[in-house]
PDB file of N, CA and C in Angstrom:
ATOM      1  N   UNK A   1      22.013 -39.507   5.339  1.00  0.00           N
ATOM      2  CA  UNK A   1      20.964 -38.572   5.684  1.00  0.00           C
ATOM      3  C   UNK A   1      21.565 -37.164   5.711  1.00  0.00           C
ATOM      4  N   UNK A   2      20.902 -36.241   5.064  1.00  0.00           N
ATOM      5  CA  UNK A   2      21.381 -34.872   4.997  1.00  0.00           C
ATOM      6  C   UNK A   2      20.860 -34.086   6.191  1.00  0.00           C
ATOM      7  N   UNK A   3      21.716 -33.299   6.784  1.00  0.00           N
ATOM      8  CA  UNK A   3      21.350 -32.483   7.936  1.00  0.00           C
ATOM      9  C   UNK A   3      21.428 -31.014   7.533  1.00  0.00           C
ATOM     10  N   UNK A   4      20.440 -30.227   7.930  1.00  0.00           N
ATOM     11  CA  UNK A   4      20.359 -28.818   7.574  1.00  0.00           C
ATOM     12  C   UNK A   4      20.482 -27.968   8.838  1.00  0.00           C
ATOM     13  N   UNK A   5      20.757 -26.696   8.662  1.00  0.00           N
ATOM     14  CA  UNK A   5      20.820 -25.740   9.762  1.00  0.00           C
ATOM     15  C   UNK A   5      19.705 -24.724   9.570  1.00  0.00           C
ATOM     16  N   UNK A   6      18.954 -24.463  10.640  1.00  0.00           N
ATOM     17  CA  UNK A   6      17.871 -23.482  10.596  1.00  0.00           C
ATOM     18  C   UNK A   6      18.475 -22.107  10.349  1.00  0.00           C
ATOM     19  N   UNK A   7      17.920 -21.362   9.388  1.00  0.00           N
ATOM     20  CA  UNK A   7      18.439 -20.043   9.048  1.00  0.00           C
ATOM     21  C   UNK A   7      18.120 -18.997  10.120  1.00  0.00           C
ATOM     22  N   UNK A   8      17.189 -19.283  10.998  1.00  0.00           N
ATOM     23  CA  UNK A   8      16.816 -18.320  12.023  1.00  0.00           C
ATOM     24  C   UNK A   8      17.572 -18.536  13.335  1.00  0.00           C
ATOM     25  N   UNK A   9      17.486 -19.741  13.891  1.00  0.00           N
ATOM     26  CA  UNK A   9      18.086 -19.989  15.210  1.00  0.00           C
ATOM     27  C   UNK A   9      19.382 -20.794  15.145  1.00  0.00           C
ATOM     28  N   UNK A  10      19.784 -21.232  13.965  1.00  0.00           N
ATOM     29  CA  UNK A  10      21.053 -21.942  13.727  1.00  0.00           C
ATOM     30  C   UNK A  10      21.143 -23.290  14.431  1.00  0.00           C
ATOM     31  N   UNK A  11      20.001 -23.946  14.677  1.00  0.00           N
ATOM     32  CA  UNK A  11      20.025 -25.292  15.223  1.00  0.00           C
ATOM     33  C   UNK A  11      20.045 -26.300  14.084  1.00  0.00           C
ATOM     34  N   UNK A  12      20.463 -27.519  14.386  1.00  0.00           N
ATOM     35  CA  UNK A  12      20.543 -28.576  13.380  1.00  0.00           C
ATOM     36  C   UNK A  12      19.170 -29.211  13.217  1.00  0.00           C
ATOM     37  N   UNK A  13      18.719 -29.334  11.970  1.00  0.00           N
ATOM     38  CA  UNK A  13      17.399 -29.853  11.652  1.00  0.00           C
ATOM     39  C   UNK A  13      17.549 -30.947  10.604  1.00  0.00           C
ATOM     40  N   UNK A  14      16.867 -32.070  10.794  1.00  0.00           N
ATOM     41  CA  UNK A  14      16.925 -33.142   9.805  1.00  0.00           C
ATOM     42  C   UNK A  14      15.886 -32.968   8.707  1.00  0.00           C
ATOM     43  N   UNK A  15      14.710 -32.446   9.052  1.00  0.00           N
ATOM     44  CA  UNK A  15      13.630 -32.263   8.081  1.00  0.00           C
ATOM     45  C   UNK A  15      13.123 -30.828   8.161  1.00  0.00           C
ATOM     46  N   UNK A  16      13.754 -29.872   7.463  1.00  0.00           N
ATOM     47  CA  UNK A  16      13.374 -28.465   7.618  1.00  0.00           C
ATOM     48  C   UNK A  16      12.130 -28.098   6.813  1.00  0.00           C
ATOM     49  N   UNK A  17      11.504 -27.025   7.232  1.00  0.00           N
ATOM     50  CA  UNK A  17      10.428 -26.415   6.467  1.00  0.00           C
ATOM     51  C   UNK A  17      11.069 -25.435   5.500  1.00  0.00           C
ATOM     52  N   UNK A  18      10.738 -25.535   4.220  1.00  0.00           N
ATOM     53  CA  UNK A  18      11.319 -24.651   3.213  1.00  0.00           C
ATOM     54  C   UNK A  18      10.318 -23.546   2.902  1.00  0.00           C
ATOM     55  N   UNK A  19      10.774 -22.302   2.970  1.00  0.00           N
ATOM     56  CA  UNK A  19       9.907 -21.144   2.755  1.00  0.00           C
ATOM     57  C   UNK A  19      10.541 -20.220   1.736  1.00  0.00           C
ATOM     58  N   UNK A  20       9.707 -19.502   1.041  1.00  0.00           N
ATOM     59  CA  UNK A  20      10.184 -18.425   0.176  1.00  0.00           C
ATOM     60  C   UNK A  20      10.134 -17.138   0.985  1.00  0.00           C
ATOM     61  N   UNK A  21      11.199 -16.378   0.921  1.00  0.00           N
ATOM     62  CA  UNK A  21      11.341 -15.167   1.712  1.00  0.00           C
ATOM     63  C   UNK A  21      11.655 -14.020   0.775  1.00  0.00           C
ATOM     64  N   UNK A  22      10.999 -12.909   0.948  1.00  0.00           N
ATOM     65  CA  UNK A  22      11.242 -11.740   0.104  1.00  0.00           C
ATOM     66  C   UNK A  22      12.001 -10.702   0.921  1.00  0.00           C
ATOM     67  N   UNK A  23      13.174 -10.321   0.432  1.00  0.00           N
ATOM     68  CA  UNK A  23      14.000  -9.320   1.099  1.00  0.00           C
ATOM     69  C   UNK A  23      13.799  -7.968   0.422  1.00  0.00           C
ATOM     70  N   UNK A  24      13.648  -6.939   1.216  1.00  0.00           N
ATOM     71  CA  UNK A  24      13.574  -5.571   0.712  1.00  0.00           C
ATOM     72  C   UNK A  24      14.816  -4.838   1.190  1.00  0.00           C
ATOM     73  N   UNK A  25      15.496  -4.135   0.300  1.00  0.00           N
ATOM     74  CA  UNK A  25      16.696  -3.403   0.670  1.00  0.00           C
ATOM     75  C   UNK A  25      16.893  -2.246  -0.292  1.00  0.00           C
ATOM     76  N   UNK A  26      17.816  -1.384   0.043  1.00  0.00           N
ATOM     77  CA  UNK A  26      18.131  -0.226  -0.790  1.00  0.00           C
ATOM     78  C   UNK A  26      19.394  -0.529  -1.573  1.00  0.00           C
ATOM     79  N   UNK A  27      19.281  -0.559  -2.890  1.00  0.00           N
ATOM     80  CA  UNK A  27      20.441  -0.734  -3.751  1.00  0.00           C
ATOM     81  C   UNK A  27      20.938   0.632  -4.201  1.00  0.00           C
ATOM     82  N   UNK A  28      22.140   0.683  -4.686  1.00  0.00           N
ATOM     83  CA  UNK A  28      22.645   1.974  -5.161  1.00  0.00           C
ATOM     84  C   UNK A  28      23.568   1.764  -6.353  1.00  0.00           C
ATOM     85  N   UNK A  29      23.647   2.802  -7.158  1.00  0.00           N
ATOM     86  CA  UNK A  29      24.491   2.808  -8.338  1.00  0.00           C
ATOM     87  C   UNK A  29      25.426   4.009  -8.238  1.00  0.00           C
ATOM     88  N   UNK A  30      26.702   3.784  -8.451  1.00  0.00           N
ATOM     89  CA  UNK A  30      27.687   4.862  -8.379  1.00  0.00           C
ATOM     90  C   UNK A  30      28.046   5.267  -9.807  1.00  0.00           C
ATOM     91  N   UNK A  31      27.816   6.534 -10.115  1.00  0.00           N
ATOM     92  CA  UNK A  31      28.118   7.014 -11.461  1.00  0.00           C
ATOM     93  C   UNK A  31      28.573   8.472 -11.389  1.00  0.00           C
ATOM     94  N   UNK A  32      29.716   8.760 -11.928  1.00  0.00           N
ATOM     95  CA  UNK A  32      30.266  10.115 -11.988  1.00  0.00           C
ATOM     96  C   UNK A  32      30.379  10.759 -10.599  1.00  0.00           C
ATOM     97  N   UNK A  33      30.769   9.967  -9.612  1.00  0.00           N
ATOM     98  CA  UNK A  33      30.953  10.483  -8.264  1.00  0.00           C
ATOM     99  C   UNK A  33      29.678  10.735  -7.505  1.00  0.00           C
ATOM    100  N   UNK A  34      28.549  10.285  -8.018  1.00  0.00           N
ATOM    101  CA  UNK A  34      27.258  10.489  -7.374  1.00  0.00           C
ATOM    102  C   UNK A  34      26.628   9.128  -7.084  1.00  0.00           C
ATOM    103  N   UNK A  35      25.887   9.041  -5.985  1.00  0.00           N
ATOM    104  CA  UNK A  35      25.206   7.809  -5.596  1.00  0.00           C
ATOM    105  C   UNK A  35      23.727   7.935  -5.934  1.00  0.00           C
ATOM    106  N   UNK A  36      23.193   6.951  -6.628  1.00  0.00           N
ATOM    107  CA  UNK A  36      21.779   6.913  -6.977  1.00  0.00           C
ATOM    108  C   UNK A  36      21.126   5.728  -6.273  1.00  0.00           C
ATOM    109  N   UNK A  37      20.456   5.941  -5.125  1.00  0.00           N
ATOM    110  CA  UNK A  37      19.805   4.827  -4.432  1.00  0.00           C
ATOM    111  C   UNK A  37      18.433   4.507  -5.039  1.00  0.00           C
ATOM    112  N   UNK A  38      18.041   3.256  -4.947  1.00  0.00           N
ATOM    113  CA  UNK A  38      16.697   2.853  -5.354  1.00  0.00           C
ATOM    114  C   UNK A  38      16.293   1.609  -4.566  1.00  0.00           C
ATOM    115  N   UNK A  39      15.018   1.481  -4.242  1.00  0.00           N
ATOM    116  CA  UNK A  39      14.559   0.300  -3.506  1.00  0.00           C
ATOM    117  C   UNK A  39      14.590  -0.936  -4.397  1.00  0.00           C
ATOM    118  N   UNK A  40      14.994  -2.051  -3.811  1.00  0.00           N
ATOM    119  CA  UNK A  40      15.079  -3.313  -4.540  1.00  0.00           C
ATOM    120  C   UNK A  40      14.463  -4.419  -3.701  1.00  0.00           C
ATOM    121  N   UNK A  41      14.162  -5.530  -4.334  1.00  0.00           N
ATOM    122  CA  UNK A  41      13.715  -6.714  -3.624  1.00  0.00           C
ATOM    123  C   UNK A  41      14.244  -7.943  -4.333  1.00  0.00           C
ATOM    124  N   UNK A  42      14.425  -9.004  -3.569  1.00  0.00           N
ATOM    125  CA  UNK A  42      14.844 -10.277  -4.146  1.00  0.00           C
ATOM    126  C   UNK A  42      14.239 -11.408  -3.332  1.00  0.00           C
ATOM    127  N   UNK A  43      14.047 -12.514  -3.981  1.00  0.00           N
ATOM    128  CA  UNK A  43      13.494 -13.692  -3.323  1.00  0.00           C
ATOM    129  C   UNK A  43      14.623 -14.612  -2.907  1.00  0.00           C
ATOM    130  N   UNK A  44      14.471 -15.206  -1.721  1.00  0.00           N
ATOM    131  CA  UNK A  44      15.448 -16.162  -1.221  1.00  0.00           C
ATOM    132  C   UNK A  44      14.689 -17.339  -0.639  1.00  0.00           C
ATOM    133  N   UNK A  45      15.286 -18.510  -0.683  1.00  0.00           N
ATOM    134  CA  UNK A  45      14.691 -19.691  -0.073  1.00  0.00           C
ATOM    135  C   UNK A  45      15.395 -19.944   1.247  1.00  0.00           C
ATOM    136  N   UNK A  46      14.608 -20.078   2.315  1.00  0.00           N
ATOM    137  CA  UNK A  46      15.172 -20.317   3.631  1.00  0.00           C
ATOM    138  C   UNK A  46      14.650 -21.634   4.174  1.00  0.00           C
ATOM    139  N   UNK A  47      15.403 -22.219   5.104  1.00  0.00           N
ATOM    140  CA  UNK A  47      15.024 -23.461   5.761  1.00  0.00           C
ATOM    141  C   UNK A  47      14.874 -23.179   7.251  1.00  0.00           C
ATOM    142  N   UNK A  48      13.715 -23.553   7.803  1.00  0.00           N
ATOM    143  CA  UNK A  48      13.410 -23.273   9.195  1.00  0.00           C
ATOM    144  C   UNK A  48      13.101 -24.550   9.955  1.00  0.00           C
ATOM    145  N   UNK A  49      13.389 -24.545  11.259  1.00  0.00           N
ATOM    146  CA  UNK A  49      12.995 -25.662  12.109  1.00  0.00           C
ATOM    147  C   UNK A  49      11.500 -25.531  12.420  1.00  0.00           C
ATOM    148  N   UNK A  50      10.947 -26.525  13.083  1.00  0.00           N
ATOM    149  CA  UNK A  50       9.507 -26.530  13.352  1.00  0.00           C
ATOM    150  C   UNK A  50       9.092 -25.363  14.247  1.00  0.00           C
ATOM    151  N   UNK A  51       9.885 -25.044  15.279  1.00  0.00           N
ATOM    152  CA  UNK A  51       9.540 -23.950  16.186  1.00  0.00           C
ATOM    153  C   UNK A  51       9.566 -22.604  15.480  1.00  0.00           C
ATOM    154  N   UNK A  52      10.601 -22.341  14.709  1.00  0.00           N
ATOM    155  CA  UNK A  52      10.704 -21.061  13.995  1.00  0.00           C
ATOM    156  C   UNK A  52       9.598 -20.930  12.955  1.00  0.00           C
ATOM    157  N   UNK A  53       9.259 -22.047  12.287  1.00  0.00           N
ATOM    158  CA  UNK A  53       8.200 -22.012  11.288  1.00  0.00           C
ATOM    159  C   UNK A  53       6.847 -21.722  11.936  1.00  0.00           C
ATOM    160  N   UNK A  54       6.562 -22.350  13.067  1.00  0.00           N
ATOM    161  CA  UNK A  54       5.277 -22.101  13.733  1.00  0.00           C
ATOM    162  C   UNK A  54       5.212 -20.676  14.267  1.00  0.00           C
ATOM    163  N   UNK A  55       6.328 -20.137  14.780  1.00  0.00           N
ATOM    164  CA  UNK A  55       6.338 -18.741  15.241  1.00  0.00           C
ATOM    165  C   UNK A  55       6.150 -17.772  14.084  1.00  0.00           C
ATOM    166  N   UNK A  56       6.737 -18.067  12.942  1.00  0.00           N
ATOM    167  CA  UNK A  56       6.556 -17.222  11.766  1.00  0.00           C
ATOM    168  C   UNK A  56       5.097 -17.234  11.304  1.00  0.00           C
ATOM    169  N   UNK A  57       4.456 -18.411  11.332  1.00  0.00           N
ATOM    170  CA  UNK A  57       3.048 -18.512  10.953  1.00  0.00           C
ATOM    171  C   UNK A  57       2.166 -17.724  11.924  1.00  0.00           C
ATOM    172  N   UNK A  58       2.497 -17.759  13.245  1.00  0.00           N
ATOM    173  CA  UNK A  58       1.719 -17.009  14.234  1.00  0.00           C
ATOM    174  C   UNK A  58       1.847 -15.510  13.977  1.00  0.00           C
ATOM    175  N   UNK A  59       3.052 -15.040  13.678  1.00  0.00           N
ATOM    176  CA  UNK A  59       3.238 -13.627  13.384  1.00  0.00           C
ATOM    177  C   UNK A  59       2.498 -13.219  12.121  1.00  0.00           C
ATOM    178  N   UNK A  60       2.527 -14.072  11.120  1.00  0.00           N
ATOM    179  CA  UNK A  60       1.848 -13.779   9.863  1.00  0.00           C
ATOM    180  C   UNK A  60       0.337 -13.747  10.055  1.00  0.00           C
ATOM    181  N   UNK A  61      -0.201 -14.679  10.841  1.00  0.00           N
ATOM    182  CA  UNK A  61      -1.639 -14.724  11.078  1.00  0.00           C
ATOM    183  C   UNK A  61      -2.095 -13.546  11.931  1.00  0.00           C
ATOM    184  N   UNK A  62      -1.252 -13.090  12.857  1.00  0.00           N
ATOM    185  CA  UNK A  62      -1.622 -11.958  13.727  1.00  0.00           C
ATOM    186  C   UNK A  62      -1.594 -10.650  12.951  1.00  0.00           C
ATOM    187  N   UNK A  63      -0.786 -10.581  11.905  1.00  0.00           N
ATOM    188  CA  UNK A  63      -0.677  -9.349  11.125  1.00  0.00           C
ATOM    189  C   UNK A  63      -1.827  -9.148  10.157  1.00  0.00           C
ATOM    190  N   UNK A  64      -2.581 -10.194   9.863  1.00  0.00           N
ATOM    191  CA  UNK A  64      -3.671 -10.049   8.896  1.00  0.00           C
ATOM    192  C   UNK A  64      -4.990  -9.817   9.555  1.00  0.00           C
TER     193      UNK A  64
END
């Protein structure tokens, strides 16, 4: 049996909820001694326990 770790609270979970998560961050390029920042995003897959997943759903539902 495979055991997973919750990405939010770091507890051990046997059957995690798998979610797609979109990260927003500022990337930068260094060229000729100058920094050129630009906004970037990437998708990541996270595994959450039941409590963290239900709290995330509550936050998402309250925001809409």
